[in-house]
C-alpha atoms as a PDB file:
ATOM      1  CA  MET A   1       0.000   0.000   0.000  1.00  0.00           C
ATOM      2  CA  VAL A   2       1.243   3.481  -0.890  1.00  0.00           C
ATOM      3  CA  LYS A   3       0.126   6.595   0.944  1.00  0.00           C
ATOM      4  CA  ASN A   4       0.904  10.059  -0.352  1.00  0.00           C
ATOM      5  CA  ASN A   5      -0.258  12.892   1.904  1.00  0.00           C
ATOM      6  CA  THR A   6      -0.920  16.147   0.082  1.00  0.00           C
ATOM      7  CA  GLN A   7      -2.023  19.533   1.414  1.00  0.00           C
ATOM      8  CA  SER A   8      -5.731  18.885   1.853  1.00  0.00           C
ATOM      9  CA  SER A   9      -6.316  15.310   0.742  1.00  0.00           C
ATOM     10  CA  GLU A  10      -4.919  11.837   1.111  1.00  0.00           C
ATOM     11  CA  ILE A  11      -4.342   9.601  -1.892  1.00  0.00           C
ATOM     12  CA  ILE A  12      -4.287   5.843  -1.344  1.00  0.00           C
ATOM     13  CA  SER A  13      -3.281   3.544  -4.184  1.00  0.00           C
ATOM     14  CA  LEU A  14      -3.128  -0.252  -4.356  1.00  0.00           C
ATOM     15  CA  GLY A  15      -1.610  -1.629  -7.543  1.00  0.00           C
ATOM     16  CA  LYS A  16      -3.377  -1.117 -10.875  1.00  0.00           C
ATOM     17  CA  ALA A  17      -5.897   1.740 -10.778  1.00  0.00           C
ATOM     18  CA  ASN A  18      -8.957   1.772 -13.023  1.00  0.00           C
ATOM     19  CA  ASP A  19     -11.331   3.956 -11.019  1.00  0.00           C
ATOM     20  CA  LYS A  20     -11.028   6.796  -8.559  1.00  0.00           C
ATOM     21  CA  ILE A  21     -13.427   7.913  -5.847  1.00  0.00           C
ATOM     22  CA  HIS A  22     -12.982  11.358  -4.311  1.00  0.00           C
ATOM     23  CA  LEU A  23     -15.076  12.084  -1.229  1.00  0.00           C
ATOM     24  CA  LEU A  24     -16.393  15.661  -1.291  1.00  0.00           C
ATOM     25  CA  GLU A  25     -18.457  15.556   1.896  1.00  0.00           C
ATOM     26  CA  GLY A  26     -19.218  13.161   4.759  1.00  0.00           C
ATOM     27  CA  LYS A  27     -17.766   9.788   5.724  1.00  0.00           C
ATOM     28  CA  MET A  28     -18.099   6.387   4.057  1.00  0.00           C
ATOM     29  CA  LYS A  29     -16.585   2.920   3.919  1.00  0.00           C
ATOM     30  CA  LEU A  30     -15.105   1.620   0.694  1.00  0.00           C
ATOM     31  CA  GLN A  31     -14.631  -2.078   0.001  1.00  0.00           C
ATOM     32  CA  ASP A  32     -11.778  -3.034  -2.331  1.00  0.00           C
ATOM     33  CA  GLY A  33     -11.527  -6.788  -2.749  1.00  0.00           C
ATOM     34  CA  ASN A  34     -11.500  -8.276   0.750  1.00  0.00           C
ATOM     35  CA  LEU A  35     -10.261  -5.041   2.359  1.00  0.00           C
ATOM     36  CA  GLU A  36     -12.389  -2.230   3.803  1.00  0.00           C
ATOM     37  CA  TYR A  37     -11.318   1.390   4.244  1.00  0.00           C
ATOM     38  CA  SER A  38     -12.948   4.306   6.070  1.00  0.00           C
ATOM     39  CA  MET A  39     -12.879   7.527   4.076  1.00  0.00           C
ATOM     40  CA  LYS A  40     -13.446  11.101   5.179  1.00  0.00           C
ATOM     41  CA  GLN A  41     -13.908  14.392   3.357  1.00  0.00           C
ATOM     42  CA  ASP A  42     -11.171  15.303   0.813  1.00  0.00           C
ATOM     43  CA  GLU A  43      -9.724  11.774   0.586  1.00  0.00           C
ATOM     44  CA  SER A  44      -9.317   9.921  -2.711  1.00  0.00           C
ATOM     45  CA  PHE A  45      -8.980   6.218  -3.401  1.00  0.00           C
ATOM     46  CA  TYR A  46      -7.815   4.508  -6.593  1.00  0.00           C
ATOM     47  CA  PHE A  47      -8.913   0.907  -7.140  1.00  0.00           C
ATOM     48  CA  ASN A  48      -9.213  -1.843  -9.743  1.00  0.00           C
ATOM     49  CA  ALA A  49     -12.858  -1.859 -10.826  1.00  0.00           C
ATOM     50  CA  LEU A  50     -12.557  -5.451 -12.012  1.00  0.00           C
ATOM     51  CA  GLU A  51     -12.187  -6.567  -8.390  1.00  0.00           C
ATOM     52  CA  LYS A  52     -15.073  -6.784  -5.915  1.00  0.00           C
ATOM     53  CA  HIS A  53     -15.772  -3.269  -4.629  1.00  0.00           C
ATOM     54  CA  GLY A  54     -18.505  -1.135  -3.065  1.00  0.00           C
ATOM     55  CA  ILE A  55     -19.301   1.836  -0.855  1.00  0.00           C
ATOM     56  CA  MET A  56     -21.432   2.339   2.257  1.00  0.00           C
ATOM     57  CA  PRO A  57     -22.248   5.746   3.798  1.00  0.00           C
ATOM     58  CA  ILE A  58     -21.303   6.286   7.440  1.00  0.00           C
ATOM     59  CA  SER A  59     -22.581   9.861   7.819  1.00  0.00           C
ATOM     60  CA  ASP A  60     -26.091  11.106   7.009  1.00  0.00           C
ATOM     61  CA  THR A  61     -24.856  13.006   3.943  1.00  0.00           C
ATOM     62  CA  VAL A  62     -22.238  11.684   1.540  1.00  0.00           C
ATOM     63  CA  LYS A  63     -21.172  13.399  -1.696  1.00  0.00           C
ATOM     64  CA  TYR A  64     -18.492  11.864  -3.895  1.00  0.00           C
ATOM     65  CA  ILE A  65     -17.153  11.813  -7.434  1.00  0.00           C
ATOM     66  CA  ASN A  66     -16.493   8.470  -9.130  1.00  0.00           C
ATOM     67  CA  ILE A  67     -14.053   8.821 -12.034  1.00  0.00           C
ATOM     68  CA  PHE A  68     -13.703   5.956 -14.499  1.00  0.00           C
ATOM     69  CA  VAL A  69     -10.150   5.938 -15.837  1.00  0.00           C
END
């Protein structure tokens, strides 16, 4: 796992990236394969869309951008 902290957001990358989720507001959990990550506002996550994946809101309001690369 590679973590790269930037000024206002955290980028997490695991291997080959096909999709990106950037969390604009709120908190959510992201499943990538058999692993689960908690995300908060201004964090981004790159993942392989061919693997099992999904999201689940933790806070009442969640706004995110899903970018297909």
